[in-house]
């Protein structure tokens, strides 16, 4: 907490002098001005603190039901880009073009709005990418995680994210043997850089997710309402390109907080 002495180091001595030579009304007026000045000085700090703690939320109204997601402040570039696209109506009408049971649902290709049945989708996003904001193990692929899609390591070694395409994790629950197998694959693919700590192993035992993606994709939010809708979508029947046989769309995306 900031104290008055930081801004007025000789305040005590000044007030003693005022008490001895100045009528009370003048002292009172001086104190009011002093308090007002302190409030003005502290107000920007208070507003900054509120901005740092506010977590924006976005509502996806889909043809299957509503999904509400919260965006992480730890990934400000992805957060702000996502908010910009939502406010601009980019996601309205987008299909969930890639759906894999016990894995995830993916959207964000704006050409999917008027796609013919059976057309291959997922090839388009705006002509820019986002720098990776990977904060593992703090942010990981638990069930309900929202993460940015990207091109593969062979053409994208910096793990830069697609500007618009994202996926929502559903995944599965794991036992110890399964987690050990995932860790072995991670050891091989990341040369031992990605370790699944004990607390995350426990989370994958209890709640599920997709641990094999950890540390390699930017997780920038999570579902706070509507995980049952995610489950319903990921259970849908799909074609050879993982596109649902019956279109499932985001009717509207809005910033609600």
Protein backbone atom coordinates (compact mmCIF):
# COMPACT_ATOMS: atom_id res chain seq x y z
CA UNK A 1 0.00 0.00 0.00
CA UNK A 2 1.27 3.48 -0.83
CA UNK A 3 1.49 5.86 2.09
CA UNK A 4 1.10 9.63 2.22
CA UNK A 5 4.75 10.08 3.20
CA UNK A 6 5.83 8.85 -0.24
CA UNK A 7 4.30 11.90 -1.87
CA UNK A 8 4.59 14.42 1.02
CA UNK A 9 7.69 13.54 3.08
CA UNK A 10 7.45 16.67 5.25
CA UNK A 11 3.70 16.45 5.81
CA UNK A 12 3.91 15.93 9.59
CA UNK A 13 6.14 18.93 10.18
CA UNK A 14 3.99 21.09 7.89
CA UNK A 15 0.82 20.18 9.78
CA UNK A 16 2.45 20.96 13.13
CA UNK A 17 3.37 24.39 11.81
CA UNK A 18 -0.13 24.95 10.44
CA UNK A 19 -1.72 23.95 13.75
CA UNK A 20 0.29 26.59 15.55
CA UNK A 21 -0.32 29.53 13.20
CA UNK A 22 -3.38 28.72 11.03
CA UNK A 23 -7.12 28.73 11.83
CA UNK A 24 -8.83 25.33 11.75
CA UNK A 25 -10.84 26.15 8.58
CA UNK A 26 -7.66 26.69 6.61
CA UNK A 27 -6.17 23.44 7.92
CA UNK A 28 -9.36 21.61 6.94
CA UNK A 29 -9.24 23.09 3.44
CA UNK A 30 -5.59 22.11 3.09
CA UNK A 31 -6.32 18.53 4.19
CA UNK A 32 -9.18 18.18 1.69
CA UNK A 33 -6.88 19.24 -1.13
CA UNK A 34 -4.22 16.88 0.14
CA UNK A 35 -6.60 13.91 0.24
CA UNK A 36 -7.92 14.75 -3.23
CA UNK A 37 -4.38 14.83 -4.60
CA UNK A 38 -3.60 11.43 -3.06
CA UNK A 39 -6.78 9.94 -4.56
CA UNK A 40 -5.82 11.22 -8.01
CA UNK A 41 -2.37 9.71 -7.63
CA UNK A 42 -3.66 6.32 -6.53
CA UNK A 43 -6.57 6.03 -8.98
CA UNK A 44 -4.46 5.00 -12.01
CA UNK A 45 -2.77 2.32 -9.90
CA UNK A 46 -6.17 0.96 -8.89
CA UNK A 47 -7.39 0.88 -12.48
CA UNK A 48 -4.22 -0.88 -13.59
CA UNK A 49 -4.71 -3.54 -10.92
CA UNK A 50 -8.30 -4.12 -12.08
CA UNK A 51 -7.18 -4.48 -15.70
CA UNK A 52 -4.53 -7.00 -14.67
CA UNK A 53 -7.03 -9.22 -12.85
CA UNK A 54 -10.04 -8.99 -15.19
CA UNK A 55 -10.42 -12.15 -17.25
CA UNK A 56 -12.41 -11.66 -20.44
CA UNK A 57 -15.07 -14.18 -21.37
CA UNK A 58 -16.53 -15.08 -24.76
CA UNK A 59 -19.82 -16.85 -25.44
CA UNK A 60 -20.01 -19.19 -28.43
CA UNK A 61 -23.65 -19.75 -29.40
CA UNK A 62 -23.57 -22.92 -31.49
CA UNK A 63 -26.22 -24.99 -33.23
CA UNK A 64 -25.76 -27.56 -30.45
CA UNK A 65 -25.85 -25.14 -27.50
CA UNK A 66 -23.76 -22.50 -25.76
CA UNK A 67 -20.09 -22.71 -24.81
CA UNK A 68 -18.63 -20.04 -22.54
CA UNK A 69 -14.86 -19.63 -22.41
CA UNK A 70 -12.53 -17.51 -20.30
CA UNK A 71 -9.34 -16.08 -21.80
CA UNK A 72 -6.03 -16.16 -19.93
CA UNK A 73 -4.18 -12.92 -19.18
CA UNK A 74 -0.95 -14.92 -19.28
CA UNK A 75 -1.32 -15.04 -23.09
CA UNK A 76 -2.09 -11.39 -23.93
CA UNK A 77 -1.26 -11.58 -27.65
CA UNK A 78 -3.65 -14.48 -28.24
CA UNK A 79 -6.25 -12.98 -25.89
CA UNK A 80 -6.31 -9.61 -27.64
CA UNK A 81 -6.30 -11.13 -31.12
CA UNK A 82 -9.19 -13.43 -30.22
CA UNK A 83 -11.20 -10.54 -28.75
CA UNK A 84 -10.57 -8.49 -31.91
CA UNK A 85 -11.85 -11.28 -34.16
CA UNK A 86 -14.89 -11.93 -31.98
CA UNK A 87 -15.84 -8.24 -31.88
CA UNK A 88 -15.45 -8.06 -35.65
CA UNK A 89 -17.85 -10.97 -36.19
CA UNK A 90 -15.17 -13.20 -37.69
CA UNK A 91 -16.40 -16.41 -36.04
CA UNK A 92 -20.10 -15.91 -36.74
CA UNK A 93 -21.23 -18.72 -39.04
CA UNK A 94 -17.97 -20.69 -38.88
CA UNK A 95 -18.34 -24.48 -38.87
CA UNK A 96 -16.57 -26.88 -36.56
CA UNK A 97 -14.66 -28.29 -39.51
CA UNK A 98 -12.49 -30.83 -37.66
CA UNK A 99 -13.92 -33.04 -34.94
CA UNK A 100 -12.18 -36.07 -33.46
CA UNK A 101 -13.81 -38.23 -30.80
CA UNK A 102 -11.98 -38.34 -27.45
CA UNK A 103 -9.65 -35.61 -28.70
CA UNK A 104 -10.90 -32.13 -29.68
CA UNK A 105 -13.18 -29.92 -31.80
CA UNK A 106 -11.70 -27.28 -34.12
CA UNK A 107 -13.04 -24.16 -35.86
CA UNK A 108 -11.88 -20.81 -37.23
CA UNK A 109 -11.82 -21.29 -41.03
CA UNK A 110 -14.07 -18.46 -42.24
CA UNK A 111 -14.48 -20.08 -45.67
CA UNK A 112 -16.52 -22.79 -43.96
CA UNK A 113 -19.56 -20.49 -43.68
CA UNK A 114 -20.89 -21.41 -47.12
CA UNK A 115 -19.00 -24.65 -47.71
CA UNK A 116 -20.54 -27.36 -49.84
CA UNK A 117 -21.26 -30.67 -48.10
CA UNK A 118 -18.16 -32.86 -48.05
CA UNK A 119 -15.76 -30.05 -49.00
CA UNK A 120 -12.38 -30.21 -47.29
CA UNK A 121 -11.99 -27.36 -44.80
CA UNK A 122 -9.40 -25.98 -42.42
CA UNK A 123 -7.02 -24.61 -45.04
CA UNK A 124 -7.75 -20.91 -44.44
CA UNK A 125 -6.91 -18.38 -41.75
CA UNK A 126 -5.93 -14.68 -42.00
CA UNK A 127 -2.50 -14.02 -43.52
CA UNK A 128 -0.62 -13.51 -40.28
CA UNK A 129 0.48 -15.71 -37.40
CA UNK A 130 0.95 -15.13 -33.68
CA UNK A 131 4.13 -15.74 -31.68
CA UNK A 132 3.90 -18.71 -29.33
CA UNK A 133 2.86 -17.94 -25.74
CA UNK A 134 3.42 -21.37 -24.24
CA UNK A 135 3.37 -21.37 -20.43
CA UNK A 136 3.77 -25.03 -19.58
CA UNK A 137 3.11 -26.59 -17.10
CA UNK A 138 1.00 -23.68 -15.80
CA UNK A 139 -1.28 -23.82 -18.86
CA UNK A 140 -1.82 -27.31 -20.22
CA UNK A 141 -4.20 -29.40 -22.32
CA UNK A 142 -6.73 -30.34 -19.67
CA UNK A 143 -10.29 -31.16 -20.65
CA UNK A 144 -11.92 -27.88 -21.72
CA UNK A 145 -8.66 -26.13 -22.64
CA UNK A 146 -8.85 -23.68 -25.56
CA UNK A 147 -5.70 -23.61 -27.70
CA UNK A 148 -4.46 -22.19 -30.99
CA UNK A 149 -4.01 -24.46 -33.99
CA UNK A 150 -0.79 -24.15 -35.99
CA UNK A 151 1.26 -25.65 -38.79
CA UNK A 152 3.64 -28.51 -38.06
CA UNK A 153 7.15 -28.27 -36.69
CA UNK A 154 8.75 -29.01 -40.06
CA UNK A 155 7.55 -25.67 -41.47
CA UNK A 156 6.94 -23.90 -38.17
CA UNK A 157 9.75 -24.64 -35.70
CA UNK A 158 8.88 -21.54 -33.63
CA UNK A 159 5.39 -22.94 -32.92
CA UNK A 160 3.68 -19.79 -34.18
CA UNK A 161 -0.11 -19.95 -33.96
CA UNK A 162 -2.81 -19.62 -36.58
CA UNK A 163 -4.42 -16.18 -36.44
CA UNK A 164 -7.94 -17.60 -36.22
CA UNK A 165 -8.15 -21.37 -35.95
CA UNK A 166 -8.48 -22.81 -32.45
CA UNK A 167 -9.53 -26.05 -30.83
CA UNK A 168 -11.29 -27.04 -27.63
CA UNK A 169 -9.94 -30.12 -25.86
CA UNK A 170 -12.14 -32.95 -24.70
CA UNK A 171 -9.66 -35.81 -24.68
CA UNK A 172 -9.89 -38.78 -22.37
CA UNK A 173 -8.90 -39.91 -18.89
CA UNK A 174 -5.54 -41.63 -18.48
CA UNK A 175 -4.09 -44.24 -16.17
CA UNK A 176 -0.45 -44.44 -15.11
CA UNK A 177 0.62 -46.77 -17.92
CA UNK A 178 -0.99 -44.52 -20.53
CA UNK A 179 0.68 -41.40 -19.11
CA UNK A 180 4.02 -43.22 -19.09
CA UNK A 181 3.53 -44.03 -22.77
CA UNK A 182 2.72 -40.38 -23.54
CA UNK A 183 5.81 -39.29 -21.63
CA UNK A 184 7.94 -41.71 -23.64
CA UNK A 185 6.62 -40.24 -26.89
CA UNK A 186 7.21 -36.70 -25.61
CA UNK A 187 10.77 -37.64 -24.64
CA UNK A 188 11.38 -38.76 -28.19
CA UNK A 189 9.60 -35.91 -30.02
CA UNK A 190 10.86 -33.07 -27.79
CA UNK A 191 14.24 -34.58 -26.84
CA UNK A 192 13.28 -34.69 -23.17
CA UNK A 193 12.22 -31.03 -22.95
CA UNK A 194 8.61 -31.70 -21.93
CA UNK A 195 8.09 -33.49 -18.61
CA UNK A 196 4.61 -34.22 -17.24
CA UNK A 197 4.83 -33.29 -13.52
CA UNK A 198 3.03 -35.26 -10.84
CA UNK A 199 0.22 -32.72 -10.37
CA UNK A 200 -0.60 -32.80 -14.09
CA UNK A 201 -0.47 -36.59 -14.15
CA UNK A 202 -3.06 -36.55 -11.37
CA UNK A 203 -5.21 -34.07 -13.32
CA UNK A 204 -5.14 -36.31 -16.39
CA UNK A 205 -6.08 -39.29 -14.19
CA UNK A 206 -9.09 -37.50 -12.70
CA UNK A 207 -10.37 -35.13 -15.41
CA UNK A 208 -8.72 -36.09 -18.68
CA UNK A 209 -7.32 -34.11 -21.59
CA UNK A 210 -4.66 -34.45 -24.31
CA UNK A 211 -1.21 -34.50 -22.65
CA UNK A 212 0.67 -35.36 -25.86
CA UNK A 213 0.13 -31.74 -27.04
CA UNK A 214 1.54 -30.12 -23.91
CA UNK A 215 4.33 -27.60 -24.27
CA UNK A 216 3.94 -27.44 -28.05
CA UNK A 217 0.78 -25.39 -28.62
CA UNK A 218 -0.41 -22.14 -27.03
CA UNK A 219 -3.24 -22.74 -24.55
CA UNK A 220 -4.99 -19.37 -24.15
CA UNK A 221 -8.28 -20.12 -22.39
CA UNK A 222 -10.67 -22.73 -21.05
CA UNK A 223 -14.34 -23.65 -21.07
CA UNK A 224 -16.21 -22.50 -17.96
CA UNK A 225 -19.72 -23.44 -19.12
CA UNK A 226 -20.94 -25.83 -21.80
CA UNK A 227 -18.42 -28.66 -21.58
CA UNK A 228 -21.37 -30.99 -22.18
CA UNK A 229 -21.86 -29.26 -25.54
CA UNK A 230 -18.20 -29.88 -26.40
CA UNK A 231 -18.73 -33.54 -25.50
CA UNK A 232 -21.80 -33.75 -27.72
CA UNK A 233 -19.97 -32.18 -30.68
CA UNK A 234 -16.92 -34.44 -30.36
CA UNK A 235 -19.21 -37.47 -30.40
CA UNK A 236 -20.72 -36.57 -33.78
CA UNK A 237 -20.25 -38.73 -36.88
CA UNK A 238 -17.62 -37.42 -39.32
CA UNK A 239 -16.26 -38.04 -42.83
CA UNK A 240 -12.73 -39.07 -43.84
CA UNK A 241 -11.50 -35.49 -43.27
CA UNK A 242 -12.96 -35.40 -39.72
CA UNK A 243 -15.66 -32.96 -40.81
CA UNK A 244 -19.07 -33.62 -39.22
CA UNK A 245 -21.56 -35.15 -41.67
CA UNK A 246 -24.16 -32.73 -40.34
CA UNK A 247 -22.85 -29.18 -40.13
CA UNK A 248 -22.30 -27.79 -36.62
CA UNK A 249 -21.78 -24.03 -36.61
CA UNK A 250 -21.00 -21.11 -34.35
CA UNK A 251 -24.12 -19.01 -34.85
CA UNK A 252 -22.63 -16.06 -33.01
CA UNK A 253 -19.61 -15.28 -30.84
CA UNK A 254 -19.78 -12.37 -28.40
CA UNK A 255 -17.60 -10.86 -25.70
CA UNK A 256 -19.65 -11.08 -22.50
CA UNK A 257 -17.06 -9.88 -19.99
